[in-house]
PDB file of N, CA and C in Angstrom:
ATOM      1  N   MET A   1     -49.119  14.875-113.267  1.00  0.00           N
ATOM      2  CA  MET A   1     -48.451  13.623-114.037  1.00  0.00           C
ATOM      3  C   MET A   1     -47.653  14.266-114.360  1.00  0.00           C
ATOM      4  N   GLN A   2     -46.064  14.450-114.448  1.00  0.00           N
ATOM      5  CA  GLN A   2     -44.773  14.997-115.139  1.00  0.00           C
ATOM      6  C   GLN A   2     -45.717  14.587-116.806  1.00  0.00           C
ATOM      7  N   GLU A   3     -44.791  15.557-117.412  1.00  0.00           N
ATOM      8  CA  GLU A   3     -44.711  15.441-119.001  1.00  0.00           C
ATOM      9  C   GLU A   3     -43.916  13.712-119.481  1.00  0.00           C
ATOM     10  N   THR A   4     -42.521  13.733-118.504  1.00  0.00           N
ATOM     11  CA  THR A   4     -41.879  12.674-119.063  1.00  0.00           C
ATOM     12  C   THR A   4     -42.822  11.192-118.438  1.00  0.00           C
ATOM     13  N   ALA A   5     -43.253  11.099-117.620  1.00  0.00           N
ATOM     14  CA  ALA A   5     -44.699   9.751-117.068  1.00  0.00           C
ATOM     15  C   ALA A   5     -46.022   9.543-118.148  1.00  0.00           C
ATOM     16  N   LYS A   6     -46.313  11.238-118.733  1.00  0.00           N
ATOM     17  CA  LYS A   6     -46.954  10.733-119.682  1.00  0.00           C
ATOM     18  C   LYS A   6     -46.065   9.925-121.123  1.00  0.00           C
ATOM     19  N   THR A   7     -45.391  10.713-121.445  1.00  0.00           N
ATOM     20  CA  THR A   7     -44.507  10.121-122.390  1.00  0.00           C
ATOM     21  C   THR A   7     -44.434   8.566-122.516  1.00  0.00           C
ATOM     22  N   MET A   8     -43.779   8.341-121.080  1.00  0.00           N
ATOM     23  CA  MET A   8     -43.879   7.150-120.909  1.00  0.00           C
ATOM     24  C   MET A   8     -45.129   6.012-121.125  1.00  0.00           C
ATOM     25  N   ALA A   9     -46.050   6.723-120.118  1.00  0.00           N
ATOM     26  CA  ALA A   9     -47.106   5.633-120.326  1.00  0.00           C
ATOM     27  C   ALA A   9     -47.589   6.242-121.778  1.00  0.00           C
ATOM     28  N   ALA A  10     -47.423   6.591-122.488  1.00  0.00           N
ATOM     29  CA  ALA A  10     -47.949   6.743-124.507  1.00  0.00           C
ATOM     30  C   ALA A  10     -47.138   5.379-124.894  1.00  0.00           C
ATOM     31  N   THR A  11     -45.837   4.886-124.219  1.00  0.00           N
ATOM     32  CA  THR A  11     -44.798   4.936-125.470  1.00  0.00           C
ATOM     33  C   THR A  11     -45.383   2.791-124.315  1.00  0.00           C
ATOM     34  N   THR A  12     -44.927   3.007-123.109  1.00  0.00           N
ATOM     35  CA  THR A  12     -45.902   1.496-122.681  1.00  0.00           C
ATOM     36  C   THR A  12     -47.574   1.239-123.235  1.00  0.00           C
ATOM     37  N   LEU A  13     -48.354   1.938-123.562  1.00  0.00           N
ATOM     38  CA  LEU A  13     -49.262   1.550-124.350  1.00  0.00           C
ATOM     39  C   LEU A  13     -49.124   1.097-126.079  1.00  0.00           C
ATOM     40  N   ALA A  14     -48.496   1.832-126.474  1.00  0.00           N
ATOM     41  CA  ALA A  14     -47.896   1.436-128.016  1.00  0.00           C
ATOM     42  C   ALA A  14     -47.089  -0.006-127.894  1.00  0.00           C
ATOM     43  N   ALA A  15     -46.422  -0.227-126.750  1.00  0.00           N
ATOM     44  CA  ALA A  15     -45.839  -1.314-126.481  1.00  0.00           C
ATOM     45  C   ALA A  15     -46.498  -2.289-126.935  1.00  0.00           C
ATOM     46  N   LEU A  16     -47.369  -2.442-125.995  1.00  0.00           N
ATOM     47  CA  LEU A  16     -48.707  -3.295-125.659  1.00  0.00           C
ATOM     48  C   LEU A  16     -49.364  -3.340-127.006  1.00  0.00           C
ATOM     49  N   VAL A  17     -49.609  -2.791-127.492  1.00  0.00           N
ATOM     50  CA  VAL A  17     -50.260  -2.660-128.921  1.00  0.00           C
ATOM     51  C   VAL A  17     -49.585  -3.803-129.948  1.00  0.00           C
ATOM     52  N   VAL A  18     -48.335  -3.295-130.155  1.00  0.00           N
ATOM     53  CA  VAL A  18     -47.181  -3.755-130.857  1.00  0.00           C
ATOM     54  C   VAL A  18     -47.004  -5.401-130.581  1.00  0.00           C
ATOM     55  N   ILE A  19     -46.768  -5.649-128.929  1.00  0.00           N
ATOM     56  CA  ILE A  19     -46.913  -7.327-128.758  1.00  0.00           C
ATOM     57  C   ILE A  19     -47.904  -7.874-128.654  1.00  0.00           C
ATOM     58  N   THR A  20     -49.209  -7.157-128.829  1.00  0.00           N
ATOM     59  CA  THR A  20     -50.365  -8.103-129.037  1.00  0.00           C
ATOM     60  C   THR A  20     -50.424  -8.488-130.268  1.00  0.00           C
ATOM     61  N   ALA A  21     -50.058  -7.111-130.813  1.00  0.00           N
ATOM     62  CA  ALA A  21     -50.053  -7.646-132.516  1.00  0.00           C
ATOM     63  C   ALA A  21     -49.111  -8.957-132.962  1.00  0.00           C
ATOM     64  N   TYR A  22     -47.772  -8.741-132.642  1.00  0.00           N
ATOM     65  CA  TYR A  22     -47.099  -9.758-132.558  1.00  0.00           C
ATOM     66  C   TYR A  22     -47.399 -11.023-131.919  1.00  0.00           C
ATOM     67  N   THR A  23     -47.954 -11.481-130.985  1.00  0.00           N
ATOM     68  CA  THR A  23     -48.426 -12.520-130.353  1.00  0.00           C
ATOM     69  C   THR A  23     -49.688 -13.048-131.581  1.00  0.00           C
ATOM     70  N   VAL A  24     -50.302 -12.265-131.935  1.00  0.00           N
ATOM     71  CA  VAL A  24     -51.652 -12.859-132.982  1.00  0.00           C
ATOM     72  C   VAL A  24     -51.024 -13.070-133.941  1.00  0.00           C
ATOM     73  N   ALA A  25     -50.165 -12.311-134.874  1.00  0.00           N
ATOM     74  CA  ALA A  25     -49.686 -12.739-135.513  1.00  0.00           C
ATOM     75  C   ALA A  25     -48.567 -13.904-136.002  1.00  0.00           C
ATOM     76  N   LEU A  26     -47.507 -14.020-134.709  1.00  0.00           N
ATOM     77  CA  LEU A  26     -46.699 -14.708-134.949  1.00  0.00           C
ATOM     78  C   LEU A  26     -46.694 -15.774-133.842  1.00  0.00           C
ATOM     79  N   GLY A  27     -47.368 -15.648-132.646  1.00  0.00           N
ATOM     80  CA  GLY A  27     -47.196 -16.498-131.484  1.00  0.00           C
ATOM     81  C   GLY A  27     -46.430 -15.763-130.455  1.00  0.00           C
ATOM     82  N   GLY A  28     -46.450 -16.050-129.339  1.00  0.00           N
ATOM     83  CA  GLY A  28     -46.619 -15.755-128.331  1.00  0.00           C
ATOM     84  C   GLY A  28     -44.775 -16.063-127.694  1.00  0.00           C
ATOM     85  N   SER A  29     -44.401 -14.998-127.311  1.00  0.00           N
ATOM     86  CA  SER A  29     -43.138 -14.695-126.576  1.00  0.00           C
ATOM     87  C   SER A  29     -42.951 -14.176-125.187  1.00  0.00           C
ATOM     88  N   GLY A  30     -42.739 -15.124-124.052  1.00  0.00           N
ATOM     89  CA  GLY A  30     -42.506 -14.812-123.060  1.00  0.00           C
ATOM     90  C   GLY A  30     -41.773 -14.040-122.965  1.00  0.00           C
ATOM     91  N   TRP A  31     -40.530 -13.920-123.553  1.00  0.00           N
ATOM     92  CA  TRP A  31     -39.727 -12.695-122.801  1.00  0.00           C
ATOM     93  C   TRP A  31     -40.170 -11.340-123.402  1.00  0.00           C
ATOM     94  N   LEU A  32     -40.672 -11.434-124.891  1.00  0.00           N
ATOM     95  CA  LEU A  32     -41.904 -10.125-124.324  1.00  0.00           C
ATOM     96  C   LEU A  32     -42.752  -9.205-124.082  1.00  0.00           C
ATOM     97  N   TRP A  33     -43.388 -10.088-123.234  1.00  0.00           N
ATOM     98  CA  TRP A  33     -44.704  -9.974-122.461  1.00  0.00           C
ATOM     99  C   TRP A  33     -43.628  -9.639-121.234  1.00  0.00           C
ATOM    100  N   PHE A  34     -42.752 -10.319-120.572  1.00  0.00           N
ATOM    101  CA  PHE A  34     -41.890  -9.710-119.637  1.00  0.00           C
ATOM    102  C   PHE A  34     -41.206  -8.321-119.630  1.00  0.00           C
ATOM    103  N   ALA A  35     -40.907  -8.443-120.341  1.00  0.00           N
ATOM    104  CA  ALA A  35     -40.201  -7.093-120.862  1.00  0.00           C
ATOM    105  C   ALA A  35     -41.081  -5.645-120.585  1.00  0.00           C
ATOM    106  N   TRP A  36     -42.216  -6.321-121.294  1.00  0.00           N
ATOM    107  CA  TRP A  36     -43.514  -5.452-121.353  1.00  0.00           C
ATOM    108  C   TRP A  36     -43.514  -5.238-119.595  1.00  0.00           C
ATOM    109  N   VAL A  37     -44.403  -6.176-119.108  1.00  0.00           N
ATOM    110  CA  VAL A  37     -44.315  -6.082-117.619  1.00  0.00           C
ATOM    111  C   VAL A  37     -43.601  -4.712-116.798  1.00  0.00           C
ATOM    112  N   VAL A  38     -42.046  -5.561-117.279  1.00  0.00           N
ATOM    113  CA  VAL A  38     -41.136  -4.914-116.611  1.00  0.00           C
ATOM    114  C   VAL A  38     -41.192  -3.413-117.076  1.00  0.00           C
ATOM    115  N   LEU A  39     -41.497  -3.019-118.423  1.00  0.00           N
ATOM    116  CA  LEU A  39     -42.226  -1.391-118.453  1.00  0.00           C
ATOM    117  C   LEU A  39     -42.770  -1.069-117.819  1.00  0.00           C
ATOM    118  N   GLY A  40     -44.102  -1.998-118.037  1.00  0.00           N
ATOM    119  CA  GLY A  40     -45.069  -1.276-117.070  1.00  0.00           C
ATOM    120  C   GLY A  40     -45.027  -0.716-115.791  1.00  0.00           C
ATOM    121  N   LEU A  41     -44.068  -1.832-115.063  1.00  0.00           N
ATOM    122  CA  LEU A  41     -43.787  -1.167-113.902  1.00  0.00           C
ATOM    123  C   LEU A  41     -42.598  -0.277-113.706  1.00  0.00           C
ATOM    124  N   ALA A  42     -41.861  -0.261-114.644  1.00  0.00           N
ATOM    125  CA  ALA A  42     -41.146   1.171-114.765  1.00  0.00           C
ATOM    126  C   ALA A  42     -42.317   2.565-114.844  1.00  0.00           C
ATOM    127  N   THR A  43     -43.255   2.546-115.455  1.00  0.00           N
ATOM    128  CA  THR A  43     -43.773   3.523-116.118  1.00  0.00           C
ATOM    129  C   THR A  43     -44.862   3.725-114.439  1.00  0.00           C
ATOM    130  N   LEU A  44     -45.121   2.666-113.846  1.00  0.00           N
ATOM    131  CA  LEU A  44     -45.810   3.372-112.548  1.00  0.00           C
ATOM    132  C   LEU A  44     -45.054   3.557-111.415  1.00  0.00           C
ATOM    133  N   GLY A  45     -43.707   3.437-111.904  1.00  0.00           N
ATOM    134  CA  GLY A  45     -43.120   3.737-110.174  1.00  0.00           C
ATOM    135  C   GLY A  45     -42.802   5.119-110.796  1.00  0.00           C
ATOM    136  N   LEU A  46     -42.470   5.874-112.487  1.00  0.00           N
ATOM    137  CA  LEU A  46     -42.630   6.800-112.246  1.00  0.00           C
ATOM    138  C   LEU A  46     -43.288   8.013-112.748  1.00  0.00           C
ATOM    139  N   ALA A  47     -44.739   7.097-112.485  1.00  0.00           N
ATOM    140  CA  ALA A  47     -46.358   8.013-112.480  1.00  0.00           C
ATOM    141  C   ALA A  47     -46.221   8.433-110.877  1.00  0.00           C
ATOM    142  N   THR A  48     -45.643   7.393-109.971  1.00  0.00           N
ATOM    143  CA  THR A  48     -46.346   7.749-108.646  1.00  0.00           C
ATOM    144  C   THR A  48     -44.947   8.227-108.135  1.00  0.00           C
ATOM    145  N   ALA A  49     -43.950   8.754-108.160  1.00  0.00           N
ATOM    146  CA  ALA A  49     -42.467   9.151-107.767  1.00  0.00           C
ATOM    147  C   ALA A  49     -43.472  10.624-107.532  1.00  0.00           C
ATOM    148  N   LYS A  50     -42.372  10.937-106.521  1.00  0.00           N
ATOM    149  CA  LYS A  50     -43.240  13.076-106.649  1.00  0.00           C
ATOM    150  C   LYS A  50     -41.859  13.722-107.157  1.00  0.00           C
ATOM    151  N   ASP A  51     -42.306  14.920-107.478  1.00  0.00           N
ATOM    152  CA  ASP A  51     -41.455  15.708-108.174  1.00  0.00           C
ATOM    153  C   ASP A  51     -40.622  16.029-106.890  1.00  0.00           C
ATOM    154  N   ARG A  52     -39.311  16.557-107.774  1.00  0.00           N
ATOM    155  CA  ARG A  52     -38.313  17.069-107.064  1.00  0.00           C
ATOM    156  C   ARG A  52     -37.716  17.936-107.248  1.00  0.00           C
TER     157      ARG A  52
END
């Protein structure tokens, strides 16, 4: 895995923790979860992309 993909994966996991804490403390927000799903899909795409 590329260094960029590793950084993106760490960012995605950190965002998951922050969004989960926000949801527990203040209630859910559909837009936050939608943004996290988009971030996760971008991370997945980056991780599966071939090096060029």
